[in-house]
Amino acid sequence: MELAIFNSLKNKNVVFTGILCSMKREEAIELAIKSGARIQNFVTEETDILVLAPRQLDIFGADVRSRKLIKAEELRKKNGRIRIISEKEFLRKLI
């Protein structure tokens, strides 16, 4: 069962934005890599998953979005490829 869950990130290009609540970004990156993900610093057409941390609004305010989120939304409208997920959803993929 665990192997199937870990494989949900296998070969996926993952980007993080915002401040994570449950761990440092470096720890999340390490877990994602151990699960087979490839980490990107920026959202591109190759990005599969953007992990949107809940502290995003703390940083930018309710009406302002990060550049990564804006780019991901634009690309999702264009090609539908990028999934924007919460930190909780990311963690569920690791359990």
PDB file of N, CA and C in Angstrom:
ATOM      1  N   MET A   1       0.828  -1.201   0.000  1.00  0.00           N
ATOM      2  CA  MET A   1       0.000   0.000   0.000  1.00  0.00           C
ATOM      3  C   MET A   1       0.864   1.252   0.000  1.00  0.00           C
ATOM      4  N   GLU A   2       1.878   1.323   0.882  1.00  0.00           N
ATOM      5  CA  GLU A   2       2.738   2.499   0.943  1.00  0.00           C
ATOM      6  C   GLU A   2       3.422   2.769  -0.384  1.00  0.00           C
ATOM      7  N   LEU A   3       3.882   1.729  -1.047  1.00  0.00           N
ATOM      8  CA  LEU A   3       4.592   1.899  -2.301  1.00  0.00           C
ATOM      9  C   LEU A   3       3.720   2.597  -3.337  1.00  0.00           C
ATOM     10  N   ALA A   4       2.458   2.233  -3.421  1.00  0.00           N
ATOM     11  CA  ALA A   4       1.551   2.868  -4.383  1.00  0.00           C
ATOM     12  C   ALA A   4       1.382   4.352  -4.084  1.00  0.00           C
ATOM     13  N   ILE A   5       1.319   4.704  -2.802  1.00  0.00           N
ATOM     14  CA  ILE A   5       1.159   6.104  -2.434  1.00  0.00           C
ATOM     15  C   ILE A   5       2.424   6.883  -2.768  1.00  0.00           C
ATOM     16  N   PHE A   6       3.586   6.321  -2.435  1.00  0.00           N
ATOM     17  CA  PHE A   6       4.838   6.984  -2.758  1.00  0.00           C
ATOM     18  C   PHE A   6       4.976   7.191  -4.265  1.00  0.00           C
ATOM     19  N   ASN A   7       4.524   6.225  -5.041  1.00  0.00           N
ATOM     20  CA  ASN A   7       4.648   6.327  -6.490  1.00  0.00           C
ATOM     21  C   ASN A   7       3.770   7.424  -7.079  1.00  0.00           C
ATOM     22  N   SER A   8       2.860   8.004  -6.292  1.00  0.00           N
ATOM     23  CA  SER A   8       2.026   9.073  -6.824  1.00  0.00           C
ATOM     24  C   SER A   8       2.849  10.325  -7.125  1.00  0.00           C
ATOM     25  N   LEU A   9       4.062  10.427  -6.560  1.00  0.00           N
ATOM     26  CA  LEU A   9       4.972  11.540  -6.875  1.00  0.00           C
ATOM     27  C   LEU A   9       6.101  11.115  -7.807  1.00  0.00           C
ATOM     28  N   LYS A  10       6.207   9.829  -8.060  1.00  0.00           N
ATOM     29  CA  LYS A  10       7.311   9.323  -8.874  1.00  0.00           C
ATOM     30  C   LYS A  10       7.294   9.958 -10.262  1.00  0.00           C
ATOM     31  N   ASN A  11       8.446  10.488 -10.640  1.00  0.00           N
ATOM     32  CA  ASN A  11       8.654  11.123 -11.959  1.00  0.00           C
ATOM     33  C   ASN A  11       7.819  12.373 -12.180  1.00  0.00           C
ATOM     34  N   LYS A  12       7.309  12.972 -11.114  1.00  0.00           N
ATOM     35  CA  LYS A  12       6.545  14.220 -11.224  1.00  0.00           C
ATOM     36  C   LYS A  12       7.474  15.402 -10.949  1.00  0.00           C
ATOM     37  N   ASN A  13       7.294  16.473 -11.688  1.00  0.00           N
ATOM     38  CA  ASN A  13       8.014  17.724 -11.463  1.00  0.00           C
ATOM     39  C   ASN A  13       7.206  18.542 -10.473  1.00  0.00           C
ATOM     40  N   VAL A  14       7.809  18.832  -9.323  1.00  0.00           N
ATOM     41  CA  VAL A  14       7.097  19.464  -8.207  1.00  0.00           C
ATOM     42  C   VAL A  14       7.749  20.803  -7.856  1.00  0.00           C
ATOM     43  N   VAL A  15       6.893  21.800  -7.591  1.00  0.00           N
ATOM     44  CA  VAL A  15       7.326  23.122  -7.155  1.00  0.00           C
ATOM     45  C   VAL A  15       6.582  23.444  -5.861  1.00  0.00           C
ATOM     46  N   PHE A  16       7.271  24.080  -4.916  1.00  0.00           N
ATOM     47  CA  PHE A  16       6.653  24.528  -3.671  1.00  0.00           C
ATOM     48  C   PHE A  16       6.560  26.048  -3.679  1.00  0.00           C
ATOM     49  N   THR A  17       5.475  26.591  -3.109  1.00  0.00           N
ATOM     50  CA  THR A  17       5.356  28.031  -2.926  1.00  0.00           C
ATOM     51  C   THR A  17       4.726  28.312  -1.563  1.00  0.00           C
ATOM     52  N   GLY A  18       5.156  29.372  -0.921  1.00  0.00           N
ATOM     53  CA  GLY A  18       4.653  29.724   0.398  1.00  0.00           C
ATOM     54  C   GLY A  18       5.454  29.046   1.505  1.00  0.00           C
ATOM     55  N   ILE A  19       5.064  29.297   2.746  1.00  0.00           N
ATOM     56  CA  ILE A  19       5.732  28.735   3.914  1.00  0.00           C
ATOM     57  C   ILE A  19       4.915  27.555   4.431  1.00  0.00           C
ATOM     58  N   LEU A  20       5.542  26.396   4.481  1.00  0.00           N
ATOM     59  CA  LEU A  20       4.871  25.192   4.964  1.00  0.00           C
ATOM     60  C   LEU A  20       4.661  25.278   6.471  1.00  0.00           C
ATOM     61  N   CYS A  21       3.586  24.681   6.942  1.00  0.00           N
ATOM     62  CA  CYS A  21       3.279  24.684   8.380  1.00  0.00           C
ATOM     63  C   CYS A  21       3.888  23.495   9.104  1.00  0.00           C
ATOM     64  N   SER A  22       3.936  22.347   8.461  1.00  0.00           N
ATOM     65  CA  SER A  22       4.309  21.111   9.155  1.00  0.00           C
ATOM     66  C   SER A  22       5.798  20.818   9.157  1.00  0.00           C
ATOM     67  N   MET A  23       6.554  21.485   8.284  1.00  0.00           N
ATOM     68  CA  MET A  23       7.992  21.213   8.197  1.00  0.00           C
ATOM     69  C   MET A  23       8.667  22.317   7.398  1.00  0.00           C
ATOM     70  N   LYS A  24       9.977  22.314   7.439  1.00  0.00           N
ATOM     71  CA  LYS A  24      10.727  23.253   6.613  1.00  0.00           C
ATOM     72  C   LYS A  24      10.657  22.808   5.157  1.00  0.00           C
ATOM     73  N   ARG A  25      10.780  23.760   4.253  1.00  0.00           N
ATOM     74  CA  ARG A  25      10.716  23.439   2.833  1.00  0.00           C
ATOM     75  C   ARG A  25      11.781  22.408   2.459  1.00  0.00           C
ATOM     76  N   GLU A  26      12.972  22.530   3.018  1.00  0.00           N
ATOM     77  CA  GLU A  26      14.050  21.592   2.713  1.00  0.00           C
ATOM     78  C   GLU A  26      13.658  20.158   3.068  1.00  0.00           C
ATOM     79  N   GLU A  27      12.937  19.994   4.180  1.00  0.00           N
ATOM     80  CA  GLU A  27      12.469  18.667   4.582  1.00  0.00           C
ATOM     81  C   GLU A  27      11.430  18.138   3.601  1.00  0.00           C
ATOM     82  N   ALA A  28      10.525  19.003   3.173  1.00  0.00           N
ATOM     83  CA  ALA A  28       9.502  18.588   2.205  1.00  0.00           C
ATOM     84  C   ALA A  28      10.143  18.195   0.882  1.00  0.00           C
ATOM     85  N   ILE A  29      11.138  18.962   0.472  1.00  0.00           N
ATOM     86  CA  ILE A  29      11.847  18.645  -0.771  1.00  0.00           C
ATOM     87  C   ILE A  29      12.525  17.284  -0.661  1.00  0.00           C
ATOM     88  N   GLU A  30      13.173  17.035   0.468  1.00  0.00           N
ATOM     89  CA  GLU A  30      13.838  15.745   0.682  1.00  0.00           C
ATOM     90  C   GLU A  30      12.843  14.594   0.617  1.00  0.00           C
ATOM     91  N   LEU A  31      11.691  14.753   1.257  1.00  0.00           N
ATOM     92  CA  LEU A  31      10.658  13.705   1.221  1.00  0.00           C
ATOM     93  C   LEU A  31      10.131  13.491  -0.194  1.00  0.00           C
ATOM     94  N   ALA A  32       9.930  14.591  -0.918  1.00  0.00           N
ATOM     95  CA  ALA A  32       9.440  14.479  -2.294  1.00  0.00           C
ATOM     96  C   ALA A  32      10.457  13.743  -3.163  1.00  0.00           C
ATOM     97  N   ILE A  33      11.728  14.087  -3.007  1.00  0.00           N
ATOM     98  CA  ILE A  33      12.781  13.417  -3.787  1.00  0.00           C
ATOM     99  C   ILE A  33      12.834  11.931  -3.449  1.00  0.00           C
ATOM    100  N   LYS A  34      12.725  11.602  -2.166  1.00  0.00           N
ATOM    101  CA  LYS A  34      12.723  10.190  -1.750  1.00  0.00           C
ATOM    102  C   LYS A  34      11.529   9.450  -2.343  1.00  0.00           C
ATOM    103  N   SER A  35      10.461  10.182  -2.642  1.00  0.00           N
ATOM    104  CA  SER A  35       9.264   9.585  -3.243  1.00  0.00           C
ATOM    105  C   SER A  35       9.349   9.538  -4.761  1.00  0.00           C
ATOM    106  N   GLY A  36      10.477  10.015  -5.306  1.00  0.00           N
ATOM    107  CA  GLY A  36      10.682   9.923  -6.750  1.00  0.00           C
ATOM    108  C   GLY A  36      10.380  11.186  -7.524  1.00  0.00           C
ATOM    109  N   ALA A  37      10.047  12.267  -6.835  1.00  0.00           N
ATOM    110  CA  ALA A  37       9.732  13.528  -7.517  1.00  0.00           C
ATOM    111  C   ALA A  37      11.009  14.235  -7.962  1.00  0.00           C
ATOM    112  N   ARG A  38      10.857  15.081  -8.961  1.00  0.00           N
ATOM    113  CA  ARG A  38      11.920  15.981  -9.392  1.00  0.00           C
ATOM    114  C   ARG A  38      11.499  17.377  -8.957  1.00  0.00           C
ATOM    115  N   ILE A  39      12.372  18.090  -8.281  1.00  0.00           N
ATOM    116  CA  ILE A  39      12.044  19.399  -7.732  1.00  0.00           C
ATOM    117  C   ILE A  39      12.463  20.492  -8.706  1.00  0.00           C
ATOM    118  N   GLN A  40      11.565  21.444  -8.893  1.00  0.00           N
ATOM    119  CA  GLN A  40      11.841  22.613  -9.719  1.00  0.00           C
ATOM    120  C   GLN A  40      11.741  23.854  -8.836  1.00  0.00           C
ATOM    121  N   ASN A  41      12.530  24.867  -9.154  1.00  0.00           N
ATOM    122  CA  ASN A  41      12.465  26.133  -8.418  1.00  0.00           C
ATOM    123  C   ASN A  41      11.394  27.061  -8.964  1.00  0.00           C
ATOM    124  N   PHE A  42      11.038  26.872 -10.230  1.00  0.00           N
ATOM    125  CA  PHE A  42      10.075  27.745 -10.899  1.00  0.00           C
ATOM    126  C   PHE A  42       9.032  26.903 -11.616  1.00  0.00           C
ATOM    127  N   VAL A  43       7.845  27.437 -11.791  1.00  0.00           N
ATOM    128  CA  VAL A  43       6.789  26.774 -12.550  1.00  0.00           C
ATOM    129  C   VAL A  43       7.091  26.940 -14.038  1.00  0.00           C
ATOM    130  N   THR A  44       7.076  25.814 -14.743  1.00  0.00           N
ATOM    131  CA  THR A  44       7.276  25.812 -16.196  1.00  0.00           C
ATOM    132  C   THR A  44       6.219  24.912 -16.825  1.00  0.00           C
ATOM    133  N   GLU A  45       6.254  24.804 -18.130  1.00  0.00           N
ATOM    134  CA  GLU A  45       5.316  23.905 -18.816  1.00  0.00           C
ATOM    135  C   GLU A  45       5.564  22.442 -18.452  1.00  0.00           C
ATOM    136  N   GLU A  46       6.724  22.154 -17.888  1.00  0.00           N
ATOM    137  CA  GLU A  46       7.056  20.789 -17.470  1.00  0.00           C
ATOM    138  C   GLU A  46       6.562  20.463 -16.059  1.00  0.00           C
ATOM    139  N   THR A  47       6.096  21.452 -15.329  1.00  0.00           N
ATOM    140  CA  THR A  47       5.654  21.247 -13.944  1.00  0.00           C
ATOM    141  C   THR A  47       4.382  20.411 -13.910  1.00  0.00           C
ATOM    142  N   ASP A  48       4.368  19.426 -13.023  1.00  0.00           N
ATOM    143  CA  ASP A  48       3.180  18.583 -12.823  1.00  0.00           C
ATOM    144  C   ASP A  48       2.369  19.033 -11.609  1.00  0.00           C
ATOM    145  N   ILE A  49       3.066  19.407 -10.522  1.00  0.00           N
ATOM    146  CA  ILE A  49       2.385  19.716  -9.261  1.00  0.00           C
ATOM    147  C   ILE A  49       2.974  20.979  -8.640  1.00  0.00           C
ATOM    148  N   LEU A  50       2.104  21.895  -8.251  1.00  0.00           N
ATOM    149  CA  LEU A  50       2.491  23.037  -7.428  1.00  0.00           C
ATOM    150  C   LEU A  50       1.894  22.811  -6.052  1.00  0.00           C
ATOM    151  N   VAL A  51       2.756  22.757  -5.027  1.00  0.00           N
ATOM    152  CA  VAL A  51       2.300  22.603  -3.653  1.00  0.00           C
ATOM    153  C   VAL A  51       2.142  24.001  -3.078  1.00  0.00           C
ATOM    154  N   LEU A  52       0.911  24.355  -2.782  1.00  0.00           N
ATOM    155  CA  LEU A  52       0.571  25.682  -2.278  1.00  0.00           C
ATOM    156  C   LEU A  52       0.453  25.616  -0.758  1.00  0.00           C
ATOM    157  N   ALA A  53       1.417  26.200  -0.083  1.00  0.00           N
ATOM    158  CA  ALA A  53       1.434  26.162   1.380  1.00  0.00           C
ATOM    159  C   ALA A  53       0.340  27.064   1.947  1.00  0.00           C
ATOM    160  N   PRO A  54      -0.225  26.688   3.101  1.00  0.00           N
ATOM    161  CA  PRO A  54      -1.314  27.484   3.679  1.00  0.00           C
ATOM    162  C   PRO A  54      -0.877  28.866   4.133  1.00  0.00           C
ATOM    163  N   ARG A  55       0.402  29.068   4.348  1.00  0.00           N
ATOM    164  CA  ARG A  55       0.873  30.369   4.805  1.00  0.00           C
ATOM    165  C   ARG A  55       1.112  31.308   3.632  1.00  0.00           C
ATOM    166  N   GLN A  56       0.659  30.947   2.472  1.00  0.00           N
ATOM    167  CA  GLN A  56       0.750  31.789   1.279  1.00  0.00           C
ATOM    168  C   GLN A  56       0.108  33.154   1.530  1.00  0.00           C
ATOM    169  N   LEU A  57      -1.068  33.148   2.104  1.00  0.00           N
ATOM    170  CA  LEU A  57      -1.793  34.400   2.326  1.00  0.00           C
ATOM    171  C   LEU A  57      -1.124  35.254   3.393  1.00  0.00           C
ATOM    172  N   ASP A  58      -0.456  34.612   4.352  1.00  0.00           N
ATOM    173  CA  ASP A  58       0.267  35.371   5.376  1.00  0.00           C
ATOM    174  C   ASP A  58       1.369  36.220   4.754  1.00  0.00           C
ATOM    175  N   ILE A  59       1.951  35.702   3.702  1.00  0.00           N
ATOM    176  CA  ILE A  59       3.076  36.378   3.061  1.00  0.00           C
ATOM    177  C   ILE A  59       2.588  37.499   2.156  1.00  0.00           C
ATOM    178  N   PHE A  60       1.618  37.182   1.313  1.00  0.00           N
ATOM    179  CA  PHE A  60       1.222  38.098   0.248  1.00  0.00           C
ATOM    180  C   PHE A  60      -0.066  38.868   0.512  1.00  0.00           C
ATOM    181  N   GLY A  61      -0.878  38.427   1.444  1.00  0.00           N
ATOM    182  CA  GLY A  61      -2.168  39.055   1.664  1.00  0.00           C
ATOM    183  C   GLY A  61      -3.233  38.348   0.840  1.00  0.00           C
ATOM    184  N   ALA A  62      -4.475  38.576   1.172  1.00  0.00           N
ATOM    185  CA  ALA A  62      -5.591  37.843   0.565  1.00  0.00           C
ATOM    186  C   ALA A  62      -5.758  38.122  -0.920  1.00  0.00           C
ATOM    187  N   ASP A  63      -5.389  39.316  -1.374  1.00  0.00           N
ATOM    188  CA  ASP A  63      -5.632  39.676  -2.775  1.00  0.00           C
ATOM    189  C   ASP A  63      -4.428  39.508  -3.683  1.00  0.00           C
ATOM    190  N   VAL A  64      -3.311  39.068  -3.137  1.00  0.00           N
ATOM    191  CA  VAL A  64      -2.090  38.961  -3.924  1.00  0.00           C
ATOM    192  C   VAL A  64      -1.656  37.502  -3.971  1.00  0.00           C
ATOM    193  N   ARG A  65      -1.281  37.048  -5.164  1.00  0.00           N
ATOM    194  CA  ARG A  65      -0.831  35.666  -5.343  1.00  0.00           C
ATOM    195  C   ARG A  65       0.643  35.657  -5.726  1.00  0.00           C
ATOM    196  N   SER A  66       1.331  34.591  -5.397  1.00  0.00           N
ATOM    197  CA  SER A  66       2.742  34.465  -5.750  1.00  0.00           C
ATOM    198  C   SER A  66       2.890  34.331  -7.266  1.00  0.00           C
ATOM    199  N   ARG A  67       4.069  34.638  -7.735  1.00  0.00           N
ATOM    200  CA  ARG A  67       4.346  34.476  -9.175  1.00  0.00           C
ATOM    201  C   ARG A  67       4.184  33.022  -9.591  1.00  0.00           C
ATOM    202  N   LYS A  68       4.590  32.118  -8.712  1.00  0.00           N
ATOM    203  CA  LYS A  68       4.465  30.690  -9.023  1.00  0.00           C
ATOM    204  C   LYS A  68       3.001  30.295  -9.191  1.00  0.00           C
ATOM    205  N   LEU A  69       2.149  30.776  -8.318  1.00  0.00           N
ATOM    206  CA  LEU A  69       0.725  30.451  -8.412  1.00  0.00           C
ATOM    207  C   LEU A  69       0.109  31.064  -9.661  1.00  0.00           C
ATOM    208  N   ILE A  70       0.441  32.304  -9.949  1.00  0.00           N
ATOM    209  CA  ILE A  70      -0.080  32.958 -11.152  1.00  0.00           C
ATOM    210  C   ILE A  70       0.326  32.185 -12.398  1.00  0.00           C
ATOM    211  N   LYS A  71       1.604  31.822 -12.477  1.00  0.00           N
ATOM    212  CA  LYS A  71       2.101  31.079 -13.639  1.00  0.00           C
ATOM    213  C   LYS A  71       1.413  29.717 -13.745  1.00  0.00           C
ATOM    214  N   ALA A  72       1.249  29.028 -12.617  1.00  0.00           N
ATOM    215  CA  ALA A  72       0.599  27.716 -12.629  1.00  0.00           C
ATOM    216  C   ALA A  72      -0.847  27.822 -13.111  1.00  0.00           C
ATOM    217  N   GLU A  73      -1.554  28.845 -12.663  1.00  0.00           N
ATOM    218  CA  GLU A  73      -2.945  29.027 -13.100  1.00  0.00           C
ATOM    219  C   GLU A  73      -3.015  29.326 -14.591  1.00  0.00           C
ATOM    220  N   GLU A  74      -2.091  30.133 -15.087  1.00  0.00           N
ATOM    221  CA  GLU A  74      -2.053  30.432 -16.522  1.00  0.00           C
ATOM    222  C   GLU A  74      -1.795  29.169 -17.337  1.00  0.00           C
ATOM    223  N   LEU A  75      -0.809  28.390 -16.912  1.00  0.00           N
ATOM    224  CA  LEU A  75      -0.477  27.163 -17.643  1.00  0.00           C
ATOM    225  C   LEU A  75      -1.583  26.122 -17.533  1.00  0.00           C
ATOM    226  N   ARG A  76      -2.250  26.078 -16.388  1.00  0.00           N
ATOM    227  CA  ARG A  76      -3.355  25.119 -16.226  1.00  0.00           C
ATOM    228  C   ARG A  76      -4.493  25.442 -17.186  1.00  0.00           C
ATOM    229  N   LYS A  77      -4.763  26.732 -17.383  1.00  0.00           N
ATOM    230  CA  LYS A  77      -5.793  27.123 -18.352  1.00  0.00           C
ATOM    231  C   LYS A  77      -5.372  26.750 -19.769  1.00  0.00           C
ATOM    232  N   LYS A  78      -4.083  26.868 -20.029  1.00  0.00           N
ATOM    233  CA  LYS A  78      -3.553  26.599 -21.370  1.00  0.00           C
ATOM    234  C   LYS A  78      -3.534  25.108 -21.699  1.00  0.00           C
ATOM    235  N   ASN A  79      -2.996  24.297 -20.759  1.00  0.00           N
ATOM    236  CA  ASN A  79      -2.836  22.880 -21.093  1.00  0.00           C
ATOM    237  C   ASN A  79      -3.435  21.906 -20.075  1.00  0.00           C
ATOM    238  N   GLY A  80      -3.938  22.411 -18.961  1.00  0.00           N
ATOM    239  CA  GLY A  80      -4.595  21.564 -17.975  1.00  0.00           C
ATOM    240  C   GLY A  80      -3.694  20.587 -17.262  1.00  0.00           C
ATOM    241  N   ARG A  81      -2.400  20.721 -17.412  1.00  0.00           N
ATOM    242  CA  ARG A  81      -1.468  19.722 -16.882  1.00  0.00           C
ATOM    243  C   ARG A  81      -1.174  19.907 -15.395  1.00  0.00           C
ATOM    244  N   ILE A  82      -0.984  21.112 -14.961  1.00  0.00           N
ATOM    245  CA  ILE A  82      -0.513  21.360 -13.598  1.00  0.00           C
ATOM    246  C   ILE A  82      -1.630  21.165 -12.578  1.00  0.00           C
ATOM    247  N   ARG A  83      -1.315  20.394 -11.533  1.00  0.00           N
ATOM    248  CA  ARG A  83      -2.229  20.253 -10.401  1.00  0.00           C
ATOM    249  C   ARG A  83      -1.732  21.175  -9.300  1.00  0.00           C
ATOM    250  N   ILE A  84      -2.612  21.953  -8.740  1.00  0.00           N
ATOM    251  CA  ILE A  84      -2.288  22.812  -7.608  1.00  0.00           C
ATOM    252  C   ILE A  84      -2.880  22.138  -6.381  1.00  0.00           C
ATOM    253  N   ILE A  85      -1.989  21.736  -5.456  1.00  0.00           N
ATOM    254  CA  ILE A  85      -2.453  20.990  -4.297  1.00  0.00           C
ATOM    255  C   ILE A  85      -2.026  21.700  -3.009  1.00  0.00           C
ATOM    256  N   SER A  86      -2.711  21.379  -1.932  1.00  0.00           N
ATOM    257  CA  SER A  86      -2.400  21.953  -0.626  1.00  0.00           C
ATOM    258  C   SER A  86      -1.257  21.175   0.024  1.00  0.00           C
ATOM    259  N   GLU A  87      -0.713  21.753   1.085  1.00  0.00           N
ATOM    260  CA  GLU A  87       0.307  21.050   1.868  1.00  0.00           C
ATOM    261  C   GLU A  87      -0.262  19.748   2.425  1.00  0.00           C
ATOM    262  N   LYS A  88      -1.512  19.785   2.896  1.00  0.00           N
ATOM    263  CA  LYS A  88      -2.140  18.571   3.440  1.00  0.00           C
ATOM    264  C   LYS A  88      -2.236  17.480   2.385  1.00  0.00           C
ATOM    265  N   GLU A  89      -2.606  17.858   1.165  1.00  0.00           N
ATOM    266  CA  GLU A  89      -2.705  16.872   0.083  1.00  0.00           C
ATOM    267  C   GLU A  89      -1.322  16.301  -0.236  1.00  0.00           C
ATOM    268  N   PHE A  90      -0.308  17.153  -0.240  1.00  0.00           N
ATOM    269  CA  PHE A  90       1.063  16.700  -0.451  1.00  0.00           C
ATOM    270  C   PHE A  90       1.449  15.675   0.623  1.00  0.00           C
ATOM    271  N   LEU A  91       1.149  15.992   1.877  1.00  0.00           N
ATOM    272  CA  LEU A  91       1.489  15.078   2.974  1.00  0.00           C
ATOM    273  C   LEU A  91       0.767  13.741   2.851  1.00  0.00           C
ATOM    274  N   ARG A  92      -0.482  13.761   2.387  1.00  0.00           N
ATOM    275  CA  ARG A  92      -1.222  12.506   2.197  1.00  0.00           C
ATOM    276  C   ARG A  92      -0.557  11.614   1.163  1.00  0.00           C
ATOM    277  N   LYS A  93       0.112  12.227   0.186  1.00  0.00           N
ATOM    278  CA  LYS A  93       0.795  11.438  -0.820  1.00  0.00           C
ATOM    279  C   LYS A  93       2.031  10.736  -0.242  1.00  0.00           C
ATOM    280  N   LEU A  94       2.484  11.200   0.913  1.00  0.00           N
ATOM    281  CA  LEU A  94       3.686  10.642   1.531  1.00  0.00           C
ATOM    282  C   LEU A  94       3.385   9.602   2.591  1.00  0.00           C
ATOM    283  N   ILE A  95       2.151   9.530   3.082  1.00  0.00           N
ATOM    284  CA  ILE A  95       1.804   8.626   4.191  1.00  0.00           C
ATOM    285  C   ILE A  95       1.533   7.229   3.684  1.00  0.00           C
TER     286      ILE A  95
END
